[in-house]
C-alpha atoms as a PDB file:
ATOM      1  CA  MET A   1     146.469 350.263 243.885  1.00  0.00           C
ATOM      2  CA  ARG A   2     146.407 354.101 244.107  1.00  0.00           C
ATOM      3  CA  ASN A   3     145.802 355.444 247.657  1.00  0.00           C
ATOM      4  CA  ARG A   4     145.332 351.599 249.054  1.00  0.00           C
ATOM      5  CA  SER A   5     147.387 351.008 252.168  1.00  0.00           C
ATOM      6  CA  LEU A   6     149.272 347.627 253.377  1.00  0.00           C
ATOM      7  CA  ALA A   7     146.386 346.949 255.709  1.00  0.00           C
ATOM      8  CA  ASP A   8     144.108 347.046 252.909  1.00  0.00           C
ATOM      9  CA  LEU A   9     145.563 344.146 250.790  1.00  0.00           C
ATOM     10  CA  ASP A  10     144.122 340.375 251.049  1.00  0.00           C
ATOM     11  CA  ARG A  11     147.672 338.857 250.292  1.00  0.00           C
ATOM     12  CA  VAL A  12     151.276 340.099 249.945  1.00  0.00           C
ATOM     13  CA  VAL A  13     153.905 337.838 248.815  1.00  0.00           C
ATOM     14  CA  ALA A  14     157.874 338.249 249.202  1.00  0.00           C
ATOM     15  CA  LEU A  15     160.315 336.442 247.363  1.00  0.00           C
ATOM     16  CA  GLY A  16     163.953 335.783 248.310  1.00  0.00           C
ATOM     17  CA  GLY A  17     166.135 334.288 250.999  1.00  0.00           C
ATOM     18  CA  GLY A  18     168.384 334.715 253.911  1.00  0.00           C
ATOM     19  CA  HIS A  19     168.533 337.737 256.117  1.00  0.00           C
ATOM     20  CA  GLY A  20     167.013 340.002 253.363  1.00  0.00           C
ATOM     21  CA  LEU A  21     163.578 338.172 253.244  1.00  0.00           C
ATOM     22  CA  GLY A  22     163.333 337.664 257.087  1.00  0.00           C
ATOM     23  CA  ARG A  23     163.811 341.487 257.311  1.00  0.00           C
ATOM     24  CA  VAL A  24     160.918 342.234 254.634  1.00  0.00           C
ATOM     25  CA  MET A  25     158.673 339.693 256.545  1.00  0.00           C
ATOM     26  CA  SER A  26     159.325 341.110 259.910  1.00  0.00           C
ATOM     27  CA  SER A  27     158.810 344.738 258.963  1.00  0.00           C
ATOM     28  CA  LEU A  28     155.409 343.325 257.679  1.00  0.00           C
ATOM     29  CA  SER A  29     154.455 340.883 260.390  1.00  0.00           C
ATOM     30  CA  SER A  30     151.081 343.082 261.387  1.00  0.00           C
ATOM     31  CA  LEU A  31     149.678 341.381 258.082  1.00  0.00           C
ATOM     32  CA  GLY A  32     149.782 338.137 259.824  1.00  0.00           C
ATOM     33  CA  SER A  33     148.384 335.267 257.824  1.00  0.00           C
ATOM     34  CA  ARG A  34     147.872 337.776 254.810  1.00  0.00           C
ATOM     35  CA  LEU A  35     151.770 337.519 254.394  1.00  0.00           C
ATOM     36  CA  THR A  36     153.514 334.902 252.664  1.00  0.00           C
ATOM     37  CA  GLY A  37     157.221 334.344 252.006  1.00  0.00           C
ATOM     38  CA  ILE A  38     158.266 331.892 249.003  1.00  0.00           C
ATOM     39  CA  VAL A  39     162.110 331.063 249.926  1.00  0.00           C
ATOM     40  CA  THR A  40     165.085 330.066 247.895  1.00  0.00           C
ATOM     41  CA  THR A  41     165.954 326.265 248.624  1.00  0.00           C
ATOM     42  CA  THR A  42     169.346 326.264 247.346  1.00  0.00           C
ATOM     43  CA  ASP A  43     171.870 327.093 250.176  1.00  0.00           C
ATOM     44  CA  ASN A  44     174.724 324.915 250.469  1.00  0.00           C
ATOM     45  CA  GLY A  45     176.972 326.784 252.951  1.00  0.00           C
ATOM     46  CA  GLY A  46     177.400 326.417 256.850  1.00  0.00           C
ATOM     47  CA  SER A  47     175.068 324.084 258.733  1.00  0.00           C
ATOM     48  CA  THR A  48     172.673 323.725 256.157  1.00  0.00           C
ATOM     49  CA  GLY A  49     175.364 322.558 253.530  1.00  0.00           C
ATOM     50  CA  ARG A  50     176.579 320.031 256.111  1.00  0.00           C
ATOM     51  CA  ILE A  51     173.251 318.656 256.669  1.00  0.00           C
ATOM     52  CA  ARG A  52     172.862 318.162 252.896  1.00  0.00           C
ATOM     53  CA  ARG A  53     175.908 316.681 252.263  1.00  0.00           C
ATOM     54  CA  SER A  54     175.433 314.162 254.918  1.00  0.00           C
ATOM     55  CA  GLU A  55     171.618 313.380 254.675  1.00  0.00           C
ATOM     56  CA  GLY A  56     170.572 314.842 251.279  1.00  0.00           C
ATOM     57  CA  GLY A  57     167.423 316.802 251.078  1.00  0.00           C
ATOM     58  CA  ILE A  58     166.141 320.430 250.471  1.00  0.00           C
ATOM     59  CA  ALA A  59     168.307 323.278 252.203  1.00  0.00           C
ATOM     60  CA  TRP A  60     166.455 324.710 254.981  1.00  0.00           C
ATOM     61  CA  GLY A  61     168.911 327.484 256.052  1.00  0.00           C
ATOM     62  CA  ASP A  62     166.972 330.354 254.563  1.00  0.00           C
ATOM     63  CA  MET A  63     163.501 329.239 255.762  1.00  0.00           C
ATOM     64  CA  ARG A  64     164.911 329.089 259.328  1.00  0.00           C
ATOM     65  CA  ASN A  65     166.322 332.632 259.039  1.00  0.00           C
ATOM     66  CA  CYS A  66     162.996 333.876 258.289  1.00  0.00           C
ATOM     67  CA  LEU A  67     161.291 332.011 261.191  1.00  0.00           C
ATOM     68  CA  ASN A  68     163.890 333.290 263.481  1.00  0.00           C
ATOM     69  CA  GLN A  69     163.056 336.943 262.410  1.00  0.00           C
ATOM     70  CA  LEU A  70     159.323 336.356 262.655  1.00  0.00           C
ATOM     71  CA  ILE A  71     159.452 335.197 266.030  1.00  0.00           C
ATOM     72  CA  THR A  72     157.626 337.808 268.420  1.00  0.00           C
ATOM     73  CA  GLU A  73     157.211 335.711 271.476  1.00  0.00           C
ATOM     74  CA  PRO A  74     160.431 334.461 273.006  1.00  0.00           C
ATOM     75  CA  SER A  75     159.780 330.954 274.623  1.00  0.00           C
ATOM     76  CA  ILE A  76     161.898 327.836 275.041  1.00  0.00           C
ATOM     77  CA  ALA A  77     160.737 326.659 271.727  1.00  0.00           C
ATOM     78  CA  SER A  78     162.255 329.599 270.358  1.00  0.00           C
ATOM     79  CA  ALA A  79     165.349 329.547 272.469  1.00  0.00           C
ATOM     80  CA  MET A  80     165.756 325.924 271.077  1.00  0.00           C
ATOM     81  CA  PHE A  81     164.823 326.837 267.426  1.00  0.00           C
ATOM     82  CA  GLU A  82     167.553 329.543 267.350  1.00  0.00           C
ATOM     83  CA  TYR A  83     170.164 327.738 269.521  1.00  0.00           C
ATOM     84  CA  ARG A  84     173.410 327.034 267.793  1.00  0.00           C
ATOM     85  CA  PHE A  85     175.843 324.320 269.216  1.00  0.00           C
ATOM     86  CA  THR A  86     179.383 325.234 270.040  1.00  0.00           C
ATOM     87  CA  GLY A  87     182.389 323.809 270.984  1.00  0.00           C
ATOM     88  CA  ASN A  88     184.386 321.085 268.985  1.00  0.00           C
ATOM     89  CA  GLY A  89     182.534 318.126 268.594  1.00  0.00           C
ATOM     90  CA  GLU A  90     180.357 316.967 265.420  1.00  0.00           C
ATOM     91  CA  LEU A  91     177.545 319.057 266.266  1.00  0.00           C
ATOM     92  CA  ALA A  92     179.582 322.404 266.728  1.00  0.00           C
ATOM     93  CA  GLY A  93     178.218 324.931 264.285  1.00  0.00           C
ATOM     94  CA  HIS A  94     174.863 323.223 263.625  1.00  0.00           C
ATOM     95  CA  ASN A  95     171.712 325.204 264.218  1.00  0.00           C
ATOM     96  CA  LEU A  96     169.118 323.196 266.052  1.00  0.00           C
ATOM     97  CA  GLY A  97     166.404 325.003 263.990  1.00  0.00           C
ATOM     98  CA  ASN A  98     167.944 323.153 260.987  1.00  0.00           C
ATOM     99  CA  LEU A  99     168.354 319.607 262.664  1.00  0.00           C
ATOM    100  CA  MET A 100     164.335 320.076 263.872  1.00  0.00           C
ATOM    101  CA  LEU A 101     163.497 320.627 260.295  1.00  0.00           C
ATOM    102  CA  LYS A 102     165.484 317.944 258.932  1.00  0.00           C
ATOM    103  CA  ALA A 103     164.145 315.558 261.567  1.00  0.00           C
ATOM    104  CA  LEU A 104     160.573 316.391 260.472  1.00  0.00           C
ATOM    105  CA  ASP A 105     161.855 315.841 256.815  1.00  0.00           C
ATOM    106  CA  HIS A 106     162.934 312.234 257.923  1.00  0.00           C
ATOM    107  CA  LEU A 107     159.665 311.695 259.342  1.00  0.00           C
ATOM    108  CA  SER A 108     158.032 311.780 255.968  1.00  0.00           C
ATOM    109  CA  VAL A 109     156.549 315.213 256.317  1.00  0.00           C
ATOM    110  CA  ARG A 110     156.274 317.468 253.373  1.00  0.00           C
ATOM    111  CA  PRO A 111     158.528 320.431 253.589  1.00  0.00           C
ATOM    112  CA  LEU A 112     155.766 322.849 253.653  1.00  0.00           C
ATOM    113  CA  GLU A 113     153.915 320.776 256.509  1.00  0.00           C
ATOM    114  CA  ALA A 114     157.352 320.649 258.286  1.00  0.00           C
ATOM    115  CA  LEU A 115     157.533 324.549 258.120  1.00  0.00           C
ATOM    116  CA  ASN A 116     153.957 324.910 259.153  1.00  0.00           C
ATOM    117  CA  LEU A 117     154.414 322.538 262.441  1.00  0.00           C
ATOM    118  CA  ILE A 118     157.417 324.703 263.417  1.00  0.00           C
ATOM    119  CA  ARG A 119     155.510 328.225 262.676  1.00  0.00           C
ATOM    120  CA  ASN A 120     152.765 326.717 264.822  1.00  0.00           C
ATOM    121  CA  LEU A 121     155.177 325.869 267.472  1.00  0.00           C
ATOM    122  CA  LEU A 122     156.696 329.301 267.431  1.00  0.00           C
ATOM    123  CA  ARG A 123     153.249 331.140 266.859  1.00  0.00           C
ATOM    124  CA  ILE A 124     154.151 332.713 263.797  1.00  0.00           C
ATOM    125  CA  ASP A 125     151.173 333.726 261.631  1.00  0.00           C
ATOM    126  CA  ALA A 126     152.680 334.502 258.351  1.00  0.00           C
ATOM    127  CA  PHE A 127     153.418 331.744 256.105  1.00  0.00           C
ATOM    128  CA  LEU A 128     156.470 330.702 254.475  1.00  0.00           C
ATOM    129  CA  ILE A 129     156.653 328.221 251.310  1.00  0.00           C
ATOM    130  CA  PRO A 130     159.728 326.699 250.063  1.00  0.00           C
ATOM    131  CA  MET A 131     160.340 327.452 246.325  1.00  0.00           C
ATOM    132  CA  SER A 132     160.606 323.826 245.571  1.00  0.00           C
ATOM    133  CA  GLU A 133     160.021 320.557 247.888  1.00  0.00           C
ATOM    134  CA  GLN A 134     162.922 318.705 245.719  1.00  0.00           C
ATOM    135  CA  THR A 135     166.421 318.771 246.416  1.00  0.00           C
ATOM    136  CA  VAL A 136     167.985 321.376 243.921  1.00  0.00           C
ATOM    137  CA  ASP A 137     171.394 323.311 243.499  1.00  0.00           C
ATOM    138  CA  LEU A 138     172.319 326.618 242.032  1.00  0.00           C
ATOM    139  CA  VAL A 139     175.024 326.240 239.189  1.00  0.00           C
ATOM    140  CA  ALA A 140     176.501 328.997 237.047  1.00  0.00           C
ATOM    141  CA  VAL A 141     178.578 328.936 233.791  1.00  0.00           C
ATOM    142  CA  ASP A 142     181.276 331.571 233.545  1.00  0.00           C
ATOM    143  CA  ALA A 143     182.700 333.547 230.864  1.00  0.00           C
ATOM    144  CA  GLU A 144     185.141 330.487 230.006  1.00  0.00           C
ATOM    145  CA  GLY A 145     182.258 328.252 229.780  1.00  0.00           C
ATOM    146  CA  ASN A 146     183.166 326.342 233.061  1.00  0.00           C
ATOM    147  CA  THR A 147     180.508 325.252 235.582  1.00  0.00           C
ATOM    148  CA  VAL A 148     180.480 326.675 238.972  1.00  0.00           C
ATOM    149  CA  GLN A 149     178.378 324.493 241.472  1.00  0.00           C
ATOM    150  CA  GLY A 150     176.866 325.724 244.593  1.00  0.00           C
ATOM    151  CA  GLU A 151     175.851 329.239 246.189  1.00  0.00           C
ATOM    152  CA  THR A 152     179.025 329.190 248.137  1.00  0.00           C
ATOM    153  CA  SER A 153     181.268 329.089 244.804  1.00  0.00           C
ATOM    154  CA  ILE A 154     178.984 331.215 243.020  1.00  0.00           C
ATOM    155  CA  ASP A 155     179.376 333.707 245.486  1.00  0.00           C
ATOM    156  CA  GLN A 156     182.950 333.966 244.978  1.00  0.00           C
ATOM    157  CA  MET A 157     183.101 334.259 241.383  1.00  0.00           C
ATOM    158  CA  PRO A 158     185.158 337.488 240.208  1.00  0.00           C
ATOM    159  CA  GLN A 159     182.806 338.165 237.366  1.00  0.00           C
ATOM    160  CA  PRO A 160     178.900 337.759 236.868  1.00  0.00           C
ATOM    161  CA  PRO A 161     178.130 334.383 235.343  1.00  0.00           C
ATOM    162  CA  GLN A 162     176.983 334.177 231.674  1.00  0.00           C
ATOM    163  CA  LYS A 163     174.144 331.566 232.730  1.00  0.00           C
ATOM    164  CA  LEU A 164     172.718 330.776 236.021  1.00  0.00           C
ATOM    165  CA  LEU A 165     170.490 327.750 236.236  1.00  0.00           C
ATOM    166  CA  LEU A 166     168.880 325.090 238.576  1.00  0.00           C
ATOM    167  CA  GLU A 167     170.044 321.447 238.610  1.00  0.00           C
ATOM    168  CA  PRO A 168     167.840 319.706 238.261  1.00  0.00           C
ATOM    169  CA  ALA A 169     165.102 321.696 236.935  1.00  0.00           C
ATOM    170  CA  VAL A 170     162.600 321.213 239.797  1.00  0.00           C
ATOM    171  CA  ASP A 171     158.964 321.697 240.112  1.00  0.00           C
ATOM    172  CA  ALA A 172     157.419 324.567 242.106  1.00  0.00           C
ATOM    173  CA  THR A 173     155.737 323.887 245.163  1.00  0.00           C
ATOM    174  CA  ARG A 174     151.952 324.310 244.055  1.00  0.00           C
ATOM    175  CA  GLU A 175     151.196 326.561 247.287  1.00  0.00           C
ATOM    176  CA  ALA A 176     153.610 329.087 246.251  1.00  0.00           C
ATOM    177  CA  VAL A 177     152.394 329.497 242.604  1.00  0.00           C
ATOM    178  CA  GLU A 178     148.880 329.633 244.014  1.00  0.00           C
ATOM    179  CA  ALA A 179     150.306 332.447 246.595  1.00  0.00           C
ATOM    180  CA  ILE A 180     151.703 334.536 243.582  1.00  0.00           C
ATOM    181  CA  SER A 181     148.292 334.003 241.553  1.00  0.00           C
ATOM    182  CA  GLU A 182     146.345 335.468 244.413  1.00  0.00           C
ATOM    183  CA  ALA A 183     148.809 338.348 245.363  1.00  0.00           C
ATOM    184  CA  ASP A 184     147.754 341.868 245.683  1.00  0.00           C
ATOM    185  CA  LEU A 185     151.012 342.936 245.848  1.00  0.00           C
ATOM    186  CA  ILE A 186     154.641 340.991 245.229  1.00  0.00           C
ATOM    187  CA  LEU A 187     157.995 341.992 246.699  1.00  0.00           C
ATOM    188  CA  ILE A 188     161.518 340.928 245.423  1.00  0.00           C
ATOM    189  CA  GLY A 189     164.499 341.281 247.647  1.00  0.00           C
ATOM    190  CA  PRO A 190     166.713 342.645 249.336  1.00  0.00           C
ATOM    191  CA  GLY A 191     169.227 339.859 249.487  1.00  0.00           C
ATOM    192  CA  SER A 192     172.154 338.378 247.853  1.00  0.00           C
ATOM    193  CA  PHE A 193     171.338 338.650 244.063  1.00  0.00           C
ATOM    194  CA  TYR A 194     172.853 335.681 242.532  1.00  0.00           C
ATOM    195  CA  THR A 195     172.402 333.361 245.276  1.00  0.00           C
ATOM    196  CA  SER A 196     169.080 334.461 247.362  1.00  0.00           C
ATOM    197  CA  LEU A 197     166.830 336.169 244.705  1.00  0.00           C
ATOM    198  CA  MET A 198     167.408 334.693 241.313  1.00  0.00           C
ATOM    199  CA  PRO A 199     166.915 330.944 242.375  1.00  0.00           C
ATOM    200  CA  VAL A 200     163.402 331.514 243.083  1.00  0.00           C
ATOM    201  CA  LEU A 201     162.704 333.287 239.460  1.00  0.00           C
ATOM    202  CA  LEU A 202     164.605 330.412 238.004  1.00  0.00           C
ATOM    203  CA  VAL A 203     161.706 328.011 238.663  1.00  0.00           C
ATOM    204  CA  ALA A 204     159.719 327.889 235.451  1.00  0.00           C
ATOM    205  CA  GLU A 205     156.240 327.598 237.278  1.00  0.00           C
ATOM    206  CA  ILE A 206     157.207 330.686 239.313  1.00  0.00           C
ATOM    207  CA  ALA A 207     158.317 332.809 236.507  1.00  0.00           C
ATOM    208  CA  GLN A 208     155.297 331.830 234.757  1.00  0.00           C
ATOM    209  CA  ALA A 209     152.772 333.024 237.812  1.00  0.00           C
ATOM    210  CA  LEU A 210     154.957 336.191 237.697  1.00  0.00           C
ATOM    211  CA  ARG A 211     154.762 336.951 234.035  1.00  0.00           C
ATOM    212  CA  ARG A 212     150.566 336.366 234.541  1.00  0.00           C
ATOM    213  CA  THR A 213     150.110 338.132 237.972  1.00  0.00           C
ATOM    214  CA  PRO A 214     148.059 341.276 237.772  1.00  0.00           C
ATOM    215  CA  ALA A 215     149.396 342.387 241.073  1.00  0.00           C
ATOM    216  CA  SER A 216     152.067 345.058 241.287  1.00  0.00           C
ATOM    217  CA  LEU A 217     155.723 344.379 241.847  1.00  0.00           C
ATOM    218  CA  ILE A 218     158.008 346.095 243.951  1.00  0.00           C
ATOM    219  CA  PHE A 219     162.008 345.504 243.988  1.00  0.00           C
ATOM    220  CA  ILE A 220     163.569 346.375 247.119  1.00  0.00           C
ATOM    221  CA  ASP A 221     167.379 347.006 246.342  1.00  0.00           C
ATOM    222  CA  ASN A 222     170.209 346.355 248.777  1.00  0.00           C
ATOM    223  CA  LEU A 223     171.460 348.836 250.762  1.00  0.00           C
ATOM    224  CA  GLY A 224     175.302 348.135 251.162  1.00  0.00           C
ATOM    225  CA  LYS A 225     177.879 346.637 248.464  1.00  0.00           C
ATOM    226  CA  GLU A 226     177.463 342.872 248.167  1.00  0.00           C
ATOM    227  CA  LEU A 227     180.403 340.654 249.460  1.00  0.00           C
ATOM    228  CA  SER A 228     180.125 338.759 246.204  1.00  0.00           C
ATOM    229  CA  PRO A 229     182.410 340.534 243.551  1.00  0.00           C
ATOM    230  CA  ALA A 230     180.325 339.318 240.745  1.00  0.00           C
ATOM    231  CA  ALA A 231     176.905 340.436 242.275  1.00  0.00           C
ATOM    232  CA  ALA A 232     178.783 343.728 243.534  1.00  0.00           C
ATOM    233  CA  SER A 233     179.544 344.852 240.039  1.00  0.00           C
ATOM    234  CA  LEU A 234     176.127 344.896 238.845  1.00  0.00           C
ATOM    235  CA  THR A 235     174.211 348.417 238.404  1.00  0.00           C
ATOM    236  CA  LEU A 236     170.452 348.578 239.578  1.00  0.00           C
ATOM    237  CA  ALA A 237     169.345 348.617 235.741  1.00  0.00           C
ATOM    238  CA  GLY A 238     171.628 345.349 235.381  1.00  0.00           C
ATOM    239  CA  LYS A 239     169.727 343.493 238.203  1.00  0.00           C
ATOM    240  CA  LEU A 240     166.389 344.522 236.568  1.00  0.00           C
ATOM    241  CA  GLU A 241     167.439 343.346 233.105  1.00  0.00           C
ATOM    242  CA  ILE A 242     168.827 340.075 234.561  1.00  0.00           C
ATOM    243  CA  MET A 243     165.542 339.462 236.728  1.00  0.00           C
ATOM    244  CA  GLU A 244     163.254 340.415 234.184  1.00  0.00           C
ATOM    245  CA  ARG A 245     165.091 338.164 231.646  1.00  0.00           C
ATOM    246  CA  ALA A 246     164.713 334.944 233.979  1.00  0.00           C
ATOM    247  CA  ILE A 247     160.981 335.953 234.506  1.00  0.00           C
ATOM    248  CA  GLY A 248     160.416 336.572 230.609  1.00  0.00           C
ATOM    249  CA  LYS A 249     158.592 339.845 230.820  1.00  0.00           C
ATOM    250  CA  LYS A 250     158.905 343.452 232.376  1.00  0.00           C
ATOM    251  CA  VAL A 251     156.940 343.155 235.459  1.00  0.00           C
ATOM    252  CA  ILE A 252     158.790 345.302 238.143  1.00  0.00           C
ATOM    253  CA  ASP A 253     156.788 348.424 238.596  1.00  0.00           C
ATOM    254  CA  THR A 254     158.545 350.234 241.292  1.00  0.00           C
ATOM    255  CA  LEU A 255     161.800 350.472 242.969  1.00  0.00           C
ATOM    256  CA  LEU A 256     162.508 350.778 246.551  1.00  0.00           C
ATOM    257  CA  VAL A 257     165.851 352.121 247.060  1.00  0.00           C
ATOM    258  CA  GLY A 258     168.208 353.944 249.672  1.00  0.00           C
ATOM    259  CA  PRO A 259     169.244 357.352 249.518  1.00  0.00           C
ATOM    260  CA  HIS A 260     172.689 356.638 247.937  1.00  0.00           C
ATOM    261  CA  ALA A 261     171.458 354.780 244.731  1.00  0.00           C
ATOM    262  CA  ASN A 262     172.100 355.553 241.433  1.00  0.00           C
ATOM    263  CA  VAL A 263     168.525 355.894 239.810  1.00  0.00           C
ATOM    264  CA  ASP A 264     169.314 358.142 236.931  1.00  0.00           C
ATOM    265  CA  PRO A 265     168.825 355.610 234.090  1.00  0.00           C
ATOM    266  CA  LEU A 266     165.451 354.211 235.302  1.00  0.00           C
ATOM    267  CA  SER A 267     163.110 356.984 234.415  1.00  0.00           C
ATOM    268  CA  GLU A 268     160.398 354.532 233.164  1.00  0.00           C
ATOM    269  CA  ARG A 269     159.900 352.643 236.638  1.00  0.00           C
ATOM    270  CA  MET A 270     158.568 354.365 239.683  1.00  0.00           C
ATOM    271  CA  VAL A 271     161.470 354.994 242.041  1.00  0.00           C
ATOM    272  CA  VAL A 272     160.902 355.478 245.694  1.00  0.00           C
ATOM    273  CA  GLN A 273     163.934 356.831 247.389  1.00  0.00           C
ATOM    274  CA  LYS A 274     164.291 356.838 251.140  1.00  0.00           C
ATOM    275  CA  PRO A 275     166.431 356.390 254.164  1.00  0.00           C
ATOM    276  CA  LEU A 276     166.092 352.915 255.181  1.00  0.00           C
ATOM    277  CA  GLU A 277     169.331 352.009 257.196  1.00  0.00           C
ATOM    278  CA  ALA A 278     168.887 350.348 260.542  1.00  0.00           C
ATOM    279  CA  ASP A 279     170.875 352.469 263.339  1.00  0.00           C
ATOM    280  CA  ASP A 280     172.839 349.176 264.752  1.00  0.00           C
ATOM    281  CA  ILE A 281     173.579 347.754 261.095  1.00  0.00           C
ATOM    282  CA  PRO A 282     173.814 350.275 258.332  1.00  0.00           C
ATOM    283  CA  TYR A 283     173.488 347.874 255.343  1.00  0.00           C
ATOM    284  CA  ARG A 284     170.449 346.169 256.837  1.00  0.00           C
ATOM    285  CA  HIS A 285     166.957 347.619 256.378  1.00  0.00           C
ATOM    286  CA  ASP A 286     165.261 349.290 259.448  1.00  0.00           C
ATOM    287  CA  ARG A 287     161.905 347.514 259.871  1.00  0.00           C
ATOM    288  CA  HIS A 288     159.955 350.711 260.741  1.00  0.00           C
ATOM    289  CA  LEU A 289     161.386 352.746 257.890  1.00  0.00           C
ATOM    290  CA  LEU A 290     160.885 349.763 255.484  1.00  0.00           C
ATOM    291  CA  HIS A 291     157.407 349.176 256.404  1.00  0.00           C
ATOM    292  CA  ILE A 292     156.637 353.194 256.002  1.00  0.00           C
ATOM    293  CA  ALA A 293     158.500 353.142 252.590  1.00  0.00           C
ATOM    294  CA  LEU A 294     156.469 350.229 251.457  1.00  0.00           C
ATOM    295  CA  GLU A 295     153.302 352.158 252.190  1.00  0.00           C
ATOM    296  CA  HIS A 296     154.721 355.006 250.242  1.00  0.00           C
ATOM    297  CA  ALA A 297     155.744 352.747 247.262  1.00  0.00           C
ATOM    298  CA  LEU A 298     152.020 351.278 247.380  1.00  0.00           C
ATOM    299  CA  GLN A 299     150.385 354.474 247.208  1.00  0.00           C
ATOM    300  CA  ALA A 300     152.769 356.198 244.769  1.00  0.00           C
ATOM    301  CA  ASN A 301     152.374 352.925 242.561  1.00  0.00           C
ATOM    302  CA  LYS A 302     151.252 353.647 238.854  1.00  0.00           C
ATOM    303  CA  PRO A 303     149.265 350.654 237.386  1.00  0.00           C
ATOM    304  CA  PRO A 304     151.198 347.603 236.782  1.00  0.00           C
ATOM    305  CA  LEU A 305     153.205 347.612 233.754  1.00  0.00           C
ATOM    306  CA  HIS A 306     151.857 344.627 231.788  1.00  0.00           C
ATOM    307  CA  HIS A 307     154.289 344.541 230.263  1.00  0.00           C
ATOM    308  CA  ASP A 308     156.394 344.055 227.304  1.00  0.00           C
ATOM    309  CA  LYS A 309     157.693 340.340 226.939  1.00  0.00           C
ATOM    310  CA  LEU A 310     160.909 340.071 226.396  1.00  0.00           C
ATOM    311  CA  ALA A 311     162.624 338.819 223.271  1.00  0.00           C
END
């Protein structure tokens, strides 16, 4: 990997959800079809949550968010996809993109095929793959042994959960596992730690693929403090421990962090510490700065850890 640039790579795979994954993918959109995002599907808030409660099915919100950020050619189709209903009626607050994806779902199209149809409509080259095509919820167990159901409730937990799991245990989308096995570089983050990043790592076949991959893995940390009290209390070292325990192996070679991150206890990892903040929203990554920092991280990368199996 040393002295290779992003342009040299055949496949870059990014894992996560929500705004963070969309930001990473849009910063790397010049890779075109060599870029793949594997997206969390446990969202139960907002328009997505309302659709899931009334119609069932997988959560589309994180995938729609990524698609929105990958649109480079504004069109009537993109304006429709991004449109959110206002007012006080039944449609108020719903995003038309979510409804379009759900309609394709009702037409018995595979969720992955629904995404591909929308990608073609919006002229997006990068691939998006749901972590699973089966309906699934995120569940946490707190320190008292109580079960906390759903992303929105987990984000309100005052203390880190003792356990995090998917209910039911679902199969990974086959194409997601294949993408990881063929990747030259894998990116995790940024995003809400417990509810955007962890669900993907809890899918057993994805964790297995991450244990087996020869690719280098880079973790991109958040720039701002998380709104979730439980996630906000975690250190960078704590996040790495939780992620790698879920994966079952030390796999993260390089950390990409902002200038204010505490990296003192992480001497065994390659740490790339750069200014990454966007001018308009400081807790969001600037796409251009992120691209440059990822190039630097790739070129500074040691050979992959490959890696001690965790007990």
